[in-house]
Amino acid sequence: EECLIDFRELVGEHSGENMAAAVWDSHKKFGLLGRITAFVMDNATNNDTMVTAFARRCRTERIPFSATNARMRCMPHTIHLS
């Protein structure tokens, strides 16, 4: 089952750090911190940076989260690129 929990305007540069801050705030707002296992995204490098920045925030809050294991590439996007 899928459900859109938030849709936010990203103010400023679409850097991984800014994206991580927005994602963190949304997860905190809806009580999802510590419940996320993976992010499915396209191959943009700022998405890699976002997951790494999100993982740093998790470490600071002692929330288990592995950036290495949590970054999933979107298969249709990958196939489209080939």
PDB file of N, CA and C in Angstrom:
ATOM      1  N   GLU A   1       0.837  -1.173   0.000  1.00  0.00           N
ATOM      2  CA  GLU A   1       0.000   0.000   0.000  1.00  0.00           C
ATOM      3  C   GLU A   1       0.882   1.236   0.000  1.00  0.00           C
ATOM      4  N   GLU A   2       0.500   2.235  -0.750  1.00  0.00           N
ATOM      5  CA  GLU A   2       1.266   3.473  -0.853  1.00  0.00           C
ATOM      6  C   GLU A   2       0.419   4.651  -0.405  1.00  0.00           C
ATOM      7  N   CYS A   3       1.100   5.638   0.155  1.00  0.00           N
ATOM      8  CA  CYS A   3       0.403   6.830   0.616  1.00  0.00           C
ATOM      9  C   CYS A   3       1.376   8.000   0.590  1.00  0.00           C
ATOM     10  N   LEU A   4       0.992   9.080  -0.050  1.00  0.00           N
ATOM     11  CA  LEU A   4       1.808  10.286  -0.052  1.00  0.00           C
ATOM     12  C   LEU A   4       1.616  10.976   1.286  1.00  0.00           C
ATOM     13  N   ILE A   5       2.702  11.164   2.036  1.00  0.00           N
ATOM     14  CA  ILE A   5       2.578  11.765   3.365  1.00  0.00           C
ATOM     15  C   ILE A   5       2.865  13.252   3.380  1.00  0.00           C
ATOM     16  N   ASP A   6       3.595  13.735   2.407  1.00  0.00           N
ATOM     17  CA  ASP A   6       3.940  15.146   2.401  1.00  0.00           C
ATOM     18  C   ASP A   6       4.379  15.547   0.996  1.00  0.00           C
ATOM     19  N   PHE A   7       4.147  16.782   0.662  1.00  0.00           N
ATOM     20  CA  PHE A   7       4.583  17.335  -0.621  1.00  0.00           C
ATOM     21  C   PHE A   7       5.019  18.755  -0.327  1.00  0.00           C
ATOM     22  N   ARG A   8       6.310  18.991  -0.367  1.00  0.00           N
ATOM     23  CA  ARG A   8       6.850  20.271   0.073  1.00  0.00           C
ATOM     24  C   ARG A   8       7.632  20.961  -1.026  1.00  0.00           C
ATOM     25  N   GLU A   9       7.588  22.283  -0.984  1.00  0.00           N
ATOM     26  CA  GLU A   9       8.451  23.068  -1.857  1.00  0.00           C
ATOM     27  C   GLU A   9       9.835  23.088  -1.229  1.00  0.00           C
ATOM     28  N   LEU A  10      10.837  22.808  -2.017  1.00  0.00           N
ATOM     29  CA  LEU A  10      12.211  22.852  -1.532  1.00  0.00           C
ATOM     30  C   LEU A  10      12.746  24.256  -1.778  1.00  0.00           C
ATOM     31  N   VAL A  11      12.944  24.988  -0.713  1.00  0.00           N
ATOM     32  CA  VAL A  11      13.419  26.368  -0.802  1.00  0.00           C
ATOM     33  C   VAL A  11      14.933  26.355  -0.946  1.00  0.00           C
ATOM     34  N   GLY A  12      15.447  27.070  -1.932  1.00  0.00           N
ATOM     35  CA  GLY A  12      16.889  27.126  -2.145  1.00  0.00           C
ATOM     36  C   GLY A  12      17.357  26.053  -3.110  1.00  0.00           C
ATOM     37  N   GLU A  13      18.641  25.827  -3.061  1.00  0.00           N
ATOM     38  CA  GLU A  13      19.293  24.864  -3.953  1.00  0.00           C
ATOM     39  C   GLU A  13      18.790  23.442  -3.680  1.00  0.00           C
ATOM     40  N   HIS A  14      18.689  22.637  -4.732  1.00  0.00           N
ATOM     41  CA  HIS A  14      18.281  21.240  -4.576  1.00  0.00           C
ATOM     42  C   HIS A  14      19.493  20.371  -4.250  1.00  0.00           C
ATOM     43  N   SER A  15      20.213  20.774  -3.241  1.00  0.00           N
ATOM     44  CA  SER A  15      21.386  20.013  -2.807  1.00  0.00           C
ATOM     45  C   SER A  15      20.931  18.856  -1.922  1.00  0.00           C
ATOM     46  N   GLY A  16      21.789  17.878  -1.789  1.00  0.00           N
ATOM     47  CA  GLY A  16      21.483  16.748  -0.922  1.00  0.00           C
ATOM     48  C   GLY A  16      21.223  17.177   0.509  1.00  0.00           C
ATOM     49  N   GLU A  17      21.990  18.161   0.984  1.00  0.00           N
ATOM     50  CA  GLU A  17      21.814  18.657   2.359  1.00  0.00           C
ATOM     51  C   GLU A  17      20.435  19.293   2.539  1.00  0.00           C
ATOM     52  N   ASN A  18      20.024  20.133   1.590  1.00  0.00           N
ATOM     53  CA  ASN A  18      18.702  20.766   1.682  1.00  0.00           C
ATOM     54  C   ASN A  18      17.581  19.736   1.568  1.00  0.00           C
ATOM     55  N   MET A  19      17.770  18.770   0.679  1.00  0.00           N
ATOM     56  CA  MET A  19      16.765  17.719   0.535  1.00  0.00           C
ATOM     57  C   MET A  19      16.669  16.896   1.811  1.00  0.00           C
ATOM     58  N   ALA A  20      17.813  16.571   2.421  1.00  0.00           N
ATOM     59  CA  ALA A  20      17.812  15.793   3.663  1.00  0.00           C
ATOM     60  C   ALA A  20      17.091  16.540   4.776  1.00  0.00           C
ATOM     61  N   ALA A  21      17.289  17.844   4.852  1.00  0.00           N
ATOM     62  CA  ALA A  21      16.613  18.645   5.878  1.00  0.00           C
ATOM     63  C   ALA A  21      15.096  18.588   5.690  1.00  0.00           C
ATOM     64  N   ALA A  22      14.641  18.702   4.444  1.00  0.00           N
ATOM     65  CA  ALA A  22      13.202  18.648   4.165  1.00  0.00           C
ATOM     66  C   ALA A  22      12.633  17.268   4.481  1.00  0.00           C
ATOM     67  N   VAL A  23      13.352  16.223   4.079  1.00  0.00           N
ATOM     68  CA  VAL A  23      12.899  14.853   4.340  1.00  0.00           C
ATOM     69  C   VAL A  23      12.878  14.589   5.844  1.00  0.00           C
ATOM     70  N   TRP A  24      13.920  15.025   6.543  1.00  0.00           N
ATOM     71  CA  TRP A  24      13.994  14.849   7.999  1.00  0.00           C
ATOM     72  C   TRP A  24      12.796  15.527   8.679  1.00  0.00           C
ATOM     73  N   ASP A  25      12.527  16.769   8.296  1.00  0.00           N
ATOM     74  CA  ASP A  25      11.413  17.509   8.903  1.00  0.00           C
ATOM     75  C   ASP A  25      10.076  16.809   8.665  1.00  0.00           C
ATOM     76  N   SER A  26       9.876  16.295   7.465  1.00  0.00           N
ATOM     77  CA  SER A  26       8.628  15.584   7.162  1.00  0.00           C
ATOM     78  C   SER A  26       8.509  14.303   7.976  1.00  0.00           C
ATOM     79  N   HIS A  27       9.602  13.560   8.067  1.00  0.00           N
ATOM     80  CA  HIS A  27       9.567  12.315   8.838  1.00  0.00           C
ATOM     81  C   HIS A  27       9.330  12.592  10.319  1.00  0.00           C
ATOM     82  N   LYS A  28       9.936  13.646  10.804  1.00  0.00           N
ATOM     83  CA  LYS A  28       9.742  14.018  12.207  1.00  0.00           C
ATOM     84  C   LYS A  28       8.288  14.441  12.445  1.00  0.00           C
ATOM     85  N   LYS A  29       7.755  15.246  11.547  1.00  0.00           N
ATOM     86  CA  LYS A  29       6.380  15.750  11.660  1.00  0.00           C
ATOM     87  C   LYS A  29       5.361  14.614  11.735  1.00  0.00           C
ATOM     88  N   PHE A  30       5.592  13.553  10.986  1.00  0.00           N
ATOM     89  CA  PHE A  30       4.638  12.451  10.926  1.00  0.00           C
ATOM     90  C   PHE A  30       5.041  11.245  11.779  1.00  0.00           C
ATOM     91  N   GLY A  31       6.052  11.412  12.625  1.00  0.00           N
ATOM     92  CA  GLY A  31       6.449  10.337  13.540  1.00  0.00           C
ATOM     93  C   GLY A  31       7.065   9.136  12.848  1.00  0.00           C
ATOM     94  N   LEU A  32       7.784   9.368  11.763  1.00  0.00           N
ATOM     95  CA  LEU A  32       8.360   8.267  10.988  1.00  0.00           C
ATOM     96  C   LEU A  32       9.849   8.053  11.226  1.00  0.00           C
ATOM     97  N   LEU A  33      10.482   8.902  12.028  1.00  0.00           N
ATOM     98  CA  LEU A  33      11.915   8.717  12.288  1.00  0.00           C
ATOM     99  C   LEU A  33      12.128   7.366  12.961  1.00  0.00           C
ATOM    100  N   GLY A  34      13.089   6.621  12.460  1.00  0.00           N
ATOM    101  CA  GLY A  34      13.365   5.292  12.988  1.00  0.00           C
ATOM    102  C   GLY A  34      12.533   4.200  12.350  1.00  0.00           C
ATOM    103  N   ARG A  35      11.640   4.564  11.447  1.00  0.00           N
ATOM    104  CA  ARG A  35      10.778   3.579  10.798  1.00  0.00           C
ATOM    105  C   ARG A  35      11.064   3.439   9.307  1.00  0.00           C
ATOM    106  N   ILE A  36      12.023   4.201   8.796  1.00  0.00           N
ATOM    107  CA  ILE A  36      12.348   4.175   7.372  1.00  0.00           C
ATOM    108  C   ILE A  36      13.445   3.149   7.121  1.00  0.00           C
ATOM    109  N   THR A  37      13.234   2.288   6.139  1.00  0.00           N
ATOM    110  CA  THR A  37      14.253   1.291   5.820  1.00  0.00           C
ATOM    111  C   THR A  37      14.970   1.585   4.508  1.00  0.00           C
ATOM    112  N   ALA A  38      14.296   2.292   3.582  1.00  0.00           N
ATOM    113  CA  ALA A  38      14.933   2.547   2.291  1.00  0.00           C
ATOM    114  C   ALA A  38      14.274   3.719   1.578  1.00  0.00           C
ATOM    115  N   PHE A  39      15.049   4.327   0.686  1.00  0.00           N
ATOM    116  CA  PHE A  39      14.564   5.367  -0.213  1.00  0.00           C
ATOM    117  C   PHE A  39      14.750   4.860  -1.635  1.00  0.00           C
ATOM    118  N   VAL A  40      13.731   4.982  -2.475  1.00  0.00           N
ATOM    119  CA  VAL A  40      13.825   4.620  -3.889  1.00  0.00           C
ATOM    120  C   VAL A  40      13.876   5.924  -4.680  1.00  0.00           C
ATOM    121  N   MET A  41      14.985   6.119  -5.407  1.00  0.00           N
ATOM    122  CA  MET A  41      15.198   7.381  -6.115  1.00  0.00           C
ATOM    123  C   MET A  41      15.871   7.132  -7.455  1.00  0.00           C
ATOM    124  N   ASP A  42      15.905   8.179  -8.276  1.00  0.00           N
ATOM    125  CA  ASP A  42      16.637   8.067  -9.533  1.00  0.00           C
ATOM    126  C   ASP A  42      18.140   8.196  -9.256  1.00  0.00           C
ATOM    127  N   ASN A  43      18.924   8.257 -10.315  1.00  0.00           N
ATOM    128  CA  ASN A  43      20.385   8.201 -10.185  1.00  0.00           C
ATOM    129  C   ASN A  43      21.068   9.540  -9.938  1.00  0.00           C
ATOM    130  N   ALA A  44      20.326  10.590  -9.691  1.00  0.00           N
ATOM    131  CA  ALA A  44      20.936  11.905  -9.467  1.00  0.00           C
ATOM    132  C   ALA A  44      21.866  11.862  -8.252  1.00  0.00           C
ATOM    133  N   THR A  45      23.032  12.469  -8.393  1.00  0.00           N
ATOM    134  CA  THR A  45      24.017  12.411  -7.302  1.00  0.00           C
ATOM    135  C   THR A  45      23.548  13.138  -6.053  1.00  0.00           C
ATOM    136  N   ASN A  46      22.674  14.148  -6.212  1.00  0.00           N
ATOM    137  CA  ASN A  46      22.190  14.823  -5.005  1.00  0.00           C
ATOM    138  C   ASN A  46      21.325  13.889  -4.155  1.00  0.00           C
ATOM    139  N   ASN A  47      20.764  12.838  -4.765  1.00  0.00           N
ATOM    140  CA  ASN A  47      20.032  11.838  -3.986  1.00  0.00           C
ATOM    141  C   ASN A  47      20.986  11.016  -3.124  1.00  0.00           C
ATOM    142  N   ASP A  48      22.172  10.696  -3.662  1.00  0.00           N
ATOM    143  CA  ASP A  48      23.188  10.008  -2.853  1.00  0.00           C
ATOM    144  C   ASP A  48      23.564  10.863  -1.652  1.00  0.00           C
ATOM    145  N   THR A  49      23.787  12.152  -1.911  1.00  0.00           N
ATOM    146  CA  THR A  49      24.154  13.077  -0.842  1.00  0.00           C
ATOM    147  C   THR A  49      23.027  13.202   0.171  1.00  0.00           C
ATOM    148  N   MET A  50      21.785  13.199  -0.297  1.00  0.00           N
ATOM    149  CA  MET A  50      20.641  13.298   0.603  1.00  0.00           C
ATOM    150  C   MET A  50      20.595  12.125   1.570  1.00  0.00           C
ATOM    151  N   VAL A  51      20.770  10.911   1.055  1.00  0.00           N
ATOM    152  CA  VAL A  51      20.719   9.731   1.915  1.00  0.00           C
ATOM    153  C   VAL A  51      21.864   9.761   2.927  1.00  0.00           C
ATOM    154  N   THR A  52      23.046  10.177   2.503  1.00  0.00           N
ATOM    155  CA  THR A  52      24.191  10.279   3.413  1.00  0.00           C
ATOM    156  C   THR A  52      23.928  11.319   4.499  1.00  0.00           C
ATOM    157  N   ALA A  53      23.389  12.467   4.124  1.00  0.00           N
ATOM    158  CA  ALA A  53      23.078  13.517   5.102  1.00  0.00           C
ATOM    159  C   ALA A  53      21.974  13.060   6.051  1.00  0.00           C
ATOM    160  N   PHE A  54      20.992  12.344   5.536  1.00  0.00           N
ATOM    161  CA  PHE A  54      19.919  11.804   6.379  1.00  0.00           C
ATOM    162  C   PHE A  54      20.500  10.812   7.385  1.00  0.00           C
ATOM    163  N   ALA A  55      21.427   9.973   6.931  1.00  0.00           N
ATOM    164  CA  ALA A  55      22.071   8.997   7.821  1.00  0.00           C
ATOM    165  C   ALA A  55      22.860   9.697   8.927  1.00  0.00           C
ATOM    166  N   ARG A  56      23.537  10.800   8.596  1.00  0.00           N
ATOM    167  CA  ARG A  56      24.267  11.567   9.623  1.00  0.00           C
ATOM    168  C   ARG A  56      23.316  12.071  10.698  1.00  0.00           C
ATOM    169  N   ARG A  57      22.176  12.583  10.278  1.00  0.00           N
ATOM    170  CA  ARG A  57      21.178  13.056  11.244  1.00  0.00           C
ATOM    171  C   ARG A  57      20.688  11.897  12.112  1.00  0.00           C
ATOM    172  N   CYS A  58      20.499  10.744  11.496  1.00  0.00           N
ATOM    173  CA  CYS A  58      20.073   9.565  12.260  1.00  0.00           C
ATOM    174  C   CYS A  58      21.117   9.188  13.303  1.00  0.00           C
ATOM    175  N   ARG A  59      22.390   9.183  12.914  1.00  0.00           N
ATOM    176  CA  ARG A  59      23.457   8.859  13.872  1.00  0.00           C
ATOM    177  C   ARG A  59      23.450   9.829  15.044  1.00  0.00           C
ATOM    178  N   THR A  60      23.273  11.120  14.757  1.00  0.00           N
ATOM    179  CA  THR A  60      23.239  12.133  15.808  1.00  0.00           C
ATOM    180  C   THR A  60      22.115  11.850  16.801  1.00  0.00           C
ATOM    181  N   GLU A  61      20.989  11.367  16.303  1.00  0.00           N
ATOM    182  CA  GLU A  61      19.824  11.078  17.153  1.00  0.00           C
ATOM    183  C   GLU A  61      19.800   9.625  17.636  1.00  0.00           C
ATOM    184  N   ARG A  62      20.861   8.878  17.310  1.00  0.00           N
ATOM    185  CA  ARG A  62      20.967   7.456  17.679  1.00  0.00           C
ATOM    186  C   ARG A  62      19.811   6.617  17.103  1.00  0.00           C
ATOM    187  N   ILE A  63      19.485   6.919  15.864  1.00  0.00           N
ATOM    188  CA  ILE A  63      18.462   6.170  15.129  1.00  0.00           C
ATOM    189  C   ILE A  63      19.185   5.257  14.148  1.00  0.00           C
ATOM    190  N   PRO A  64      18.955   3.947  14.212  1.00  0.00           N
ATOM    191  CA  PRO A  64      19.634   3.038  13.284  1.00  0.00           C
ATOM    192  C   PRO A  64      19.193   3.286  11.835  1.00  0.00           C
ATOM    193  N   PHE A  65      20.165   3.535  10.977  1.00  0.00           N
ATOM    194  CA  PHE A  65      19.893   3.765   9.555  1.00  0.00           C
ATOM    195  C   PHE A  65      21.209   3.650   8.809  1.00  0.00           C
ATOM    196  N   SER A  66      21.234   2.862   7.751  1.00  0.00           N
ATOM    197  CA  SER A  66      22.440   2.670   6.952  1.00  0.00           C
ATOM    198  C   SER A  66      22.259   3.284   5.566  1.00  0.00           C
ATOM    199  N   ALA A  67      23.030   4.324   5.283  1.00  0.00           N
ATOM    200  CA  ALA A  67      22.948   4.964   3.968  1.00  0.00           C
ATOM    201  C   ALA A  67      23.313   3.981   2.861  1.00  0.00           C
ATOM    202  N   THR A  68      24.261   3.110   3.123  1.00  0.00           N
ATOM    203  CA  THR A  68      24.701   2.138   2.117  1.00  0.00           C
ATOM    204  C   THR A  68      23.577   1.180   1.747  1.00  0.00           C
ATOM    205  N   ASN A  69      22.846   0.706   2.735  1.00  0.00           N
ATOM    206  CA  ASN A  69      21.786  -0.271   2.486  1.00  0.00           C
ATOM    207  C   ASN A  69      20.444   0.366   2.141  1.00  0.00           C
ATOM    208  N   ALA A  70      20.294   1.652   2.388  1.00  0.00           N
ATOM    209  CA  ALA A  70      18.991   2.298   2.235  1.00  0.00           C
ATOM    210  C   ALA A  70      18.795   2.979   0.886  1.00  0.00           C
ATOM    211  N   ARG A  71      19.805   3.064   0.081  1.00  0.00           N
ATOM    212  CA  ARG A  71      19.722   3.764  -1.212  1.00  0.00           C
ATOM    213  C   ARG A  71      19.362   2.772  -2.293  1.00  0.00           C
ATOM    214  N   MET A  72      18.125   2.819  -2.773  1.00  0.00           N
ATOM    215  CA  MET A  72      17.679   1.926  -3.837  1.00  0.00           C
ATOM    216  C   MET A  72      17.447   2.738  -5.105  1.00  0.00           C
ATOM    217  N   ARG A  73      17.953   2.239  -6.208  1.00  0.00           N
ATOM    218  CA  ARG A  73      17.785   2.915  -7.494  1.00  0.00           C
ATOM    219  C   ARG A  73      16.449   2.497  -8.112  1.00  0.00           C
ATOM    220  N   CYS A  74      15.795   3.435  -8.750  1.00  0.00           N
ATOM    221  CA  CYS A  74      14.515   3.180  -9.401  1.00  0.00           C
ATOM    222  C   CYS A  74      14.760   2.368 -10.680  1.00  0.00           C
ATOM    223  N   MET A  75      14.272   1.138 -10.705  1.00  0.00           N
ATOM    224  CA  MET A  75      14.530   0.247 -11.834  1.00  0.00           C
ATOM    225  C   MET A  75      13.990   0.799 -13.162  1.00  0.00           C
ATOM    226  N   PRO A  76      12.753   1.288 -13.241  1.00  0.00           N
ATOM    227  CA  PRO A  76      12.294   1.831 -14.534  1.00  0.00           C
ATOM    228  C   PRO A  76      13.171   2.983 -15.026  1.00  0.00           C
ATOM    229  N   HIS A  77      13.635   3.818 -14.123  1.00  0.00           N
ATOM    230  CA  HIS A  77      14.506   4.925 -14.523  1.00  0.00           C
ATOM    231  C   HIS A  77      15.833   4.388 -15.070  1.00  0.00           C
ATOM    232  N   THR A  78      16.387   3.398 -14.410  1.00  0.00           N
ATOM    233  CA  THR A  78      17.653   2.801 -14.840  1.00  0.00           C
ATOM    234  C   THR A  78      17.504   2.153 -16.217  1.00  0.00           C
ATOM    235  N   ILE A  79      16.419   1.439 -16.432  1.00  0.00           N
ATOM    236  CA  ILE A  79      16.177   0.793 -17.725  1.00  0.00           C
ATOM    237  C   ILE A  79      16.003   1.848 -18.819  1.00  0.00           C
ATOM    238  N   HIS A  80      15.303   2.915 -18.502  1.00  0.00           N
ATOM    239  CA  HIS A  80      15.086   3.990 -19.473  1.00  0.00           C
ATOM    240  C   HIS A  80      16.414   4.620 -19.911  1.00  0.00           C
ATOM    241  N   LEU A  81      17.374   4.699 -19.003  1.00  0.00           N
ATOM    242  CA  LEU A  81      18.671   5.293 -19.327  1.00  0.00           C
ATOM    243  C   LEU A  81      19.522   4.406 -20.228  1.00  0.00           C
ATOM    244  N   SER A  82      19.260   3.096 -20.211  1.00  0.00           N
ATOM    245  CA  SER A  82      20.115   2.183 -20.982  1.00  0.00           C
ATOM    246  C   SER A  82      19.772   2.130 -22.449  1.00  0.00           C
TER     247      SER A  82
END
